[in-house]
PDB file of N, CA and C in Angstrom:
ATOM      1  N   MET A   1       1.188  -0.723   0.081  1.00  0.00           N
ATOM      2  CA  MET A   1       0.092  -0.370  -0.053  1.00  0.00           C
ATOM      3  C   MET A   1       0.957   0.993  -0.029  1.00  0.00           C
ATOM      4  N   ASP A   2       1.052   1.944  -1.067  1.00  0.00           N
ATOM      5  CA  ASP A   2       1.819   3.571  -1.508  1.00  0.00           C
ATOM      6  C   ASP A   2       1.005   4.273  -0.724  1.00  0.00           C
ATOM      7  N   LYS A   3      -0.318   4.645  -0.249  1.00  0.00           N
ATOM      8  CA  LYS A   3      -0.782   6.115   0.681  1.00  0.00           C
ATOM      9  C   LYS A   3      -1.853   4.697   1.211  1.00  0.00           C
ATOM     10  N   GLY A   4      -2.496   5.839   2.424  1.00  0.00           N
ATOM     11  CA  GLY A   4      -3.348   5.608   3.834  1.00  0.00           C
ATOM     12  C   GLY A   4      -2.363   5.342   4.611  1.00  0.00           C
ATOM     13  N   PHE A   5      -3.250   4.015   5.398  1.00  0.00           N
ATOM     14  CA  PHE A   5      -2.372   3.576   6.734  1.00  0.00           C
ATOM     15  C   PHE A   5      -2.805   2.431   6.734  1.00  0.00           C
ATOM     16  N   SER A   6      -2.572   1.628   7.088  1.00  0.00           N
ATOM     17  CA  SER A   6      -3.045   0.540   7.904  1.00  0.00           C
ATOM     18  C   SER A   6      -2.394  -0.151   9.715  1.00  0.00           C
ATOM     19  N   TYR A   7      -2.885  -0.700  10.296  1.00  0.00           N
ATOM     20  CA  TYR A   7      -2.402  -1.235  11.725  1.00  0.00           C
ATOM     21  C   TYR A   7      -3.564  -2.107  12.281  1.00  0.00           C
ATOM     22  N   THR A   8      -2.739  -2.874  13.211  1.00  0.00           N
ATOM     23  CA  THR A   8      -3.113  -4.193  13.430  1.00  0.00           C
ATOM     24  C   THR A   8      -3.469  -4.503  14.663  1.00  0.00           C
ATOM     25  N   LEU A   9      -4.099  -5.088  15.243  1.00  0.00           N
ATOM     26  CA  LEU A   9      -5.324  -5.503  16.225  1.00  0.00           C
ATOM     27  C   LEU A   9      -4.807  -7.019  16.889  1.00  0.00           C
ATOM     28  N   GLU A  10      -4.167  -7.092  18.898  1.00  0.00           N
ATOM     29  CA  GLU A  10      -4.364  -8.526  18.867  1.00  0.00           C
ATOM     30  C   GLU A  10      -5.673  -8.987  18.946  1.00  0.00           C
ATOM     31  N   ASP A  11      -5.484 -10.343  18.600  1.00  0.00           N
ATOM     32  CA  ASP A  11      -7.223 -10.814  18.170  1.00  0.00           C
ATOM     33  C   ASP A  11      -7.489 -10.564  19.856  1.00  0.00           C
ATOM     34  N   GLU A  12      -7.352 -10.613  20.637  1.00  0.00           N
ATOM     35  CA  GLU A  12      -7.341 -10.102  22.758  1.00  0.00           C
ATOM     36  C   GLU A  12      -8.718  -8.915  22.391  1.00  0.00           C
ATOM     37  N   LYS A  13      -7.692  -7.726  22.227  1.00  0.00           N
ATOM     38  CA  LYS A  13      -8.655  -7.004  22.027  1.00  0.00           C
ATOM     39  C   LYS A  13      -9.463  -6.447  21.023  1.00  0.00           C
ATOM     40  N   ILE A  14      -9.818  -7.141  19.959  1.00  0.00           N
ATOM     41  CA  ILE A  14     -10.830  -7.338  19.189  1.00  0.00           C
ATOM     42  C   ILE A  14     -11.704  -7.639  19.558  1.00  0.00           C
ATOM     43  N   ILE A  15     -11.619  -8.992  20.673  1.00  0.00           N
ATOM     44  CA  ILE A  15     -12.382  -9.897  21.109  1.00  0.00           C
ATOM     45  C   ILE A  15     -13.157  -9.220  22.528  1.00  0.00           C
ATOM     46  N   GLU A  16     -12.029  -8.444  23.281  1.00  0.00           N
ATOM     47  CA  GLU A  16     -12.694  -7.435  24.549  1.00  0.00           C
ATOM     48  C   GLU A  16     -14.075  -6.074  23.960  1.00  0.00           C
ATOM     49  N   TYR A  17     -13.374  -6.150  22.232  1.00  0.00           N
ATOM     50  CA  TYR A  17     -14.355  -5.099  22.366  1.00  0.00           C
ATOM     51  C   TYR A  17     -15.883  -5.447  21.491  1.00  0.00           C
ATOM     52  N   MET A  18     -15.808  -6.262  20.833  1.00  0.00           N
ATOM     53  CA  MET A  18     -17.158  -7.320  20.703  1.00  0.00           C
ATOM     54  C   MET A  18     -17.908  -7.590  21.915  1.00  0.00           C
ATOM     55  N   LYS A  19     -17.609  -7.682  22.452  1.00  0.00           N
ATOM     56  CA  LYS A  19     -18.216  -8.313  23.644  1.00  0.00           C
ATOM     57  C   LYS A  19     -18.627  -7.074  24.978  1.00  0.00           C
ATOM     58  N   LEU A  20     -19.047  -5.332  23.794  1.00  0.00           N
ATOM     59  CA  LEU A  20     -19.136  -4.201  24.408  1.00  0.00           C
ATOM     60  C   LEU A  20     -20.429  -4.142  23.863  1.00  0.00           C
ATOM     61  N   SER A  21     -21.569  -3.427  24.331  1.00  0.00           N
ATOM     62  CA  SER A  21     -22.947  -3.358  23.577  1.00  0.00           C
ATOM     63  C   SER A  21     -22.608  -2.536  22.822  1.00  0.00           C
ATOM     64  N   THR A  22     -23.632  -2.538  22.166  1.00  0.00           N
ATOM     65  CA  THR A  22     -23.932  -0.909  20.955  1.00  0.00           C
ATOM     66  C   THR A  22     -24.415   0.046  21.748  1.00  0.00           C
ATOM     67  N   GLU A  23     -24.495   0.623  22.709  1.00  0.00           N
ATOM     68  CA  GLU A  23     -24.634   1.399  23.614  1.00  0.00           C
ATOM     69  C   GLU A  23     -23.060   2.095  23.961  1.00  0.00           C
ATOM     70  N   ASN A  24     -22.366   0.812  24.268  1.00  0.00           N
ATOM     71  CA  ASN A  24     -21.178   1.157  25.111  1.00  0.00           C
ATOM     72  C   ASN A  24     -20.356   1.372  23.957  1.00  0.00           C
ATOM     73  N   LYS A  25     -20.423   1.190  22.732  1.00  0.00           N
ATOM     74  CA  LYS A  25     -19.316   1.028  21.185  1.00  0.00           C
ATOM     75  C   LYS A  25     -19.824   2.583  20.970  1.00  0.00           C
ATOM     76  N   LEU A  26     -20.758   2.845  20.511  1.00  0.00           N
ATOM     77  CA  LEU A  26     -21.593   4.220  20.045  1.00  0.00           C
ATOM     78  C   LEU A  26     -20.614   5.506  21.173  1.00  0.00           C
ATOM     79  N   GLN A  27     -21.089   5.009  22.211  1.00  0.00           N
ATOM     80  CA  GLN A  27     -20.306   6.070  23.500  1.00  0.00           C
ATOM     81  C   GLN A  27     -19.174   5.933  23.586  1.00  0.00           C
ATOM     82  N   TRP A  28     -18.342   5.586  23.042  1.00  0.00           N
ATOM     83  CA  TRP A  28     -16.558   4.807  22.932  1.00  0.00           C
ATOM     84  C   TRP A  28     -16.409   5.776  21.774  1.00  0.00           C
ATOM     85  N   LEU A  29     -16.889   5.556  20.480  1.00  0.00           N
ATOM     86  CA  LEU A  29     -16.782   6.484  19.229  1.00  0.00           C
ATOM     87  C   LEU A  29     -17.203   8.063  19.561  1.00  0.00           C
ATOM     88  N   GLU A  30     -18.284   8.199  20.159  1.00  0.00           N
ATOM     89  CA  GLU A  30     -18.782  10.245  20.504  1.00  0.00           C
ATOM     90  C   GLU A  30     -17.740  10.556  21.226  1.00  0.00           C
ATOM     91  N   GLU A  31     -17.029   9.760  22.344  1.00  0.00           N
ATOM     92  CA  GLU A  31     -15.695  10.700  23.315  1.00  0.00           C
ATOM     93  C   GLU A  31     -15.040  10.684  22.713  1.00  0.00           C
ATOM     94  N   ILE A  32     -14.315   9.797  21.807  1.00  0.00           N
ATOM     95  CA  ILE A  32     -13.173   9.881  20.543  1.00  0.00           C
ATOM     96  C   ILE A  32     -13.579  10.928  19.510  1.00  0.00           C
ATOM     97  N   ASN A  33     -14.019  10.885  19.077  1.00  0.00           N
ATOM     98  CA  ASN A  33     -14.832  12.165  17.792  1.00  0.00           C
ATOM     99  C   ASN A  33     -14.602  13.194  18.824  1.00  0.00           C
ATOM    100  N   GLU A  34     -14.867  14.257  19.678  1.00  0.00           N
ATOM    101  CA  GLU A  34     -15.872  14.809  20.896  1.00  0.00           C
ATOM    102  C   GLU A  34     -13.681  15.484  21.365  1.00  0.00           C
ATOM    103  N   PHE A  35     -13.353  13.910  21.608  1.00  0.00           N
ATOM    104  CA  PHE A  35     -11.480  14.523  21.940  1.00  0.00           C
ATOM    105  C   PHE A  35     -11.218  14.847  20.719  1.00  0.00           C
ATOM    106  N   ASN A  36     -11.470  14.252  19.581  1.00  0.00           N
ATOM    107  CA  ASN A  36     -10.093  14.588  18.242  1.00  0.00           C
ATOM    108  C   ASN A  36     -10.540  16.318  17.959  1.00  0.00           C
ATOM    109  N   ASN A  37     -11.756  16.509  18.053  1.00  0.00           N
ATOM    110  CA  ASN A  37     -12.301  17.416  17.177  1.00  0.00           C
ATOM    111  C   ASN A  37     -11.717  19.145  18.942  1.00  0.00           C
ATOM    112  N   MET A  38     -11.393  18.382  19.607  1.00  0.00           N
ATOM    113  CA  MET A  38     -11.065  19.591  21.095  1.00  0.00           C
ATOM    114  C   MET A  38      -9.630  19.542  20.986  1.00  0.00           C
ATOM    115  N   VAL A  39      -8.778  18.749  20.257  1.00  0.00           N
ATOM    116  CA  VAL A  39      -7.632  18.451  20.215  1.00  0.00           C
ATOM    117  C   VAL A  39      -6.685  18.867  19.255  1.00  0.00           C
ATOM    118  N   LEU A  40      -7.311  18.852  18.223  1.00  0.00           N
ATOM    119  CA  LEU A  40      -6.824  18.640  16.719  1.00  0.00           C
ATOM    120  C   LEU A  40      -7.095  19.836  16.031  1.00  0.00           C
ATOM    121  N   SER A  41      -5.624  20.547  15.165  1.00  0.00           N
ATOM    122  CA  SER A  41      -5.765  22.291  15.068  1.00  0.00           C
ATOM    123  C   SER A  41      -6.023  21.795  13.316  1.00  0.00           C
ATOM    124  N   GLY A  42      -7.194  22.267  13.130  1.00  0.00           N
ATOM    125  CA  GLY A  42      -7.571  22.371  11.550  1.00  0.00           C
ATOM    126  C   GLY A  42      -6.789  22.221  10.750  1.00  0.00           C
ATOM    127  N   ARG A  43      -5.007  21.788  10.492  1.00  0.00           N
ATOM    128  CA  ARG A  43      -4.598  21.493   9.732  1.00  0.00           C
ATOM    129  C   ARG A  43      -4.314  20.357   9.615  1.00  0.00           C
ATOM    130  N   GLU A  44      -4.492  19.428  10.902  1.00  0.00           N
ATOM    131  CA  GLU A  44      -4.209  17.788  11.717  1.00  0.00           C
ATOM    132  C   GLU A  44      -5.970  17.798  11.088  1.00  0.00           C
ATOM    133  N   LYS A  45      -7.059  17.821  11.290  1.00  0.00           N
ATOM    134  CA  LYS A  45      -8.431  17.404  10.523  1.00  0.00           C
ATOM    135  C   LYS A  45      -7.860  17.335   8.718  1.00  0.00           C
ATOM    136  N   GLU A  46      -7.381  18.153   8.308  1.00  0.00           N
ATOM    137  CA  GLU A  46      -7.308  18.367   7.118  1.00  0.00           C
ATOM    138  C   GLU A  46      -6.779  17.431   6.811  1.00  0.00           C
ATOM    139  N   LEU A  47      -5.469  17.145   7.293  1.00  0.00           N
ATOM    140  CA  LEU A  47      -4.512  15.814   7.046  1.00  0.00           C
ATOM    141  C   LEU A  47      -5.489  14.388   7.165  1.00  0.00           C
ATOM    142  N   ARG A  48      -5.764  14.232   8.247  1.00  0.00           N
ATOM    143  CA  ARG A  48      -6.758  13.055   8.422  1.00  0.00           C
ATOM    144  C   ARG A  48      -7.841  12.808   7.556  1.00  0.00           C
ATOM    145  N   GLU A  49      -8.242  13.647   7.387  1.00  0.00           N
ATOM    146  CA  GLU A  49      -9.143  13.052   5.925  1.00  0.00           C
ATOM    147  C   GLU A  49      -8.513  13.051   5.153  1.00  0.00           C
ATOM    148  N   LYS A  50      -7.326  13.095   4.752  1.00  0.00           N
ATOM    149  CA  LYS A  50      -6.766  13.377   3.262  1.00  0.00           C
ATOM    150  C   LYS A  50      -6.406  11.465   3.534  1.00  0.00           C
ATOM    151  N   LEU A  51      -5.960  11.416   4.575  1.00  0.00           N
ATOM    152  CA  LEU A  51      -5.850   9.911   5.079  1.00  0.00           C
ATOM    153  C   LEU A  51      -6.841   8.929   4.781  1.00  0.00           C
ATOM    154  N   ARG A  52      -7.655   9.397   5.461  1.00  0.00           N
ATOM    155  CA  ARG A  52      -9.291   7.989   5.221  1.00  0.00           C
ATOM    156  C   ARG A  52      -9.164   8.384   4.179  1.00  0.00           C
ATOM    157  N   ALA A  53      -9.091   9.680   3.076  1.00  0.00           N
ATOM    158  CA  ALA A  53      -9.742   9.074   1.576  1.00  0.00           C
ATOM    159  C   ALA A  53      -8.392   8.686   0.594  1.00  0.00           C
ATOM    160  N   CYS A  54      -7.361   8.140   1.423  1.00  0.00           N
ATOM    161  CA  CYS A  54      -6.301   7.860   0.167  1.00  0.00           C
ATOM    162  C   CYS A  54      -5.034   8.748   0.093  1.00  0.00           C
ATOM    163  N   LYS A  55      -5.443  10.390   0.258  1.00  0.00           N
ATOM    164  CA  LYS A  55      -4.918  11.104  -1.058  1.00  0.00           C
ATOM    165  C   LYS A  55      -3.561  11.232  -0.456  1.00  0.00           C
ATOM    166  N   ILE A  56      -2.944  10.730   0.041  1.00  0.00           N
ATOM    167  CA  ILE A  56      -1.591  11.092   0.919  1.00  0.00           C
ATOM    168  C   ILE A  56      -1.373   9.802   1.321  1.00  0.00           C
TER     169      ILE A  56
END
C-alpha cells in the first residue's frame, strides 16, 4: 500500500471490543470524536481526512 495507512490489533483487543454493547461502542466512538475535535488543529483534521481518502 503506497497511500493511506494500516494497523493491526491483537485478537484479545478485538474480542474485548466485540463484548461491548452497541450503546457502549457508540458512546466510545462519540467520546473519541469529541476528544479529536477538541485537540486537533484545523491542519491536523485536514491531514486526517486526506489519510482517510487515501490522498496521501
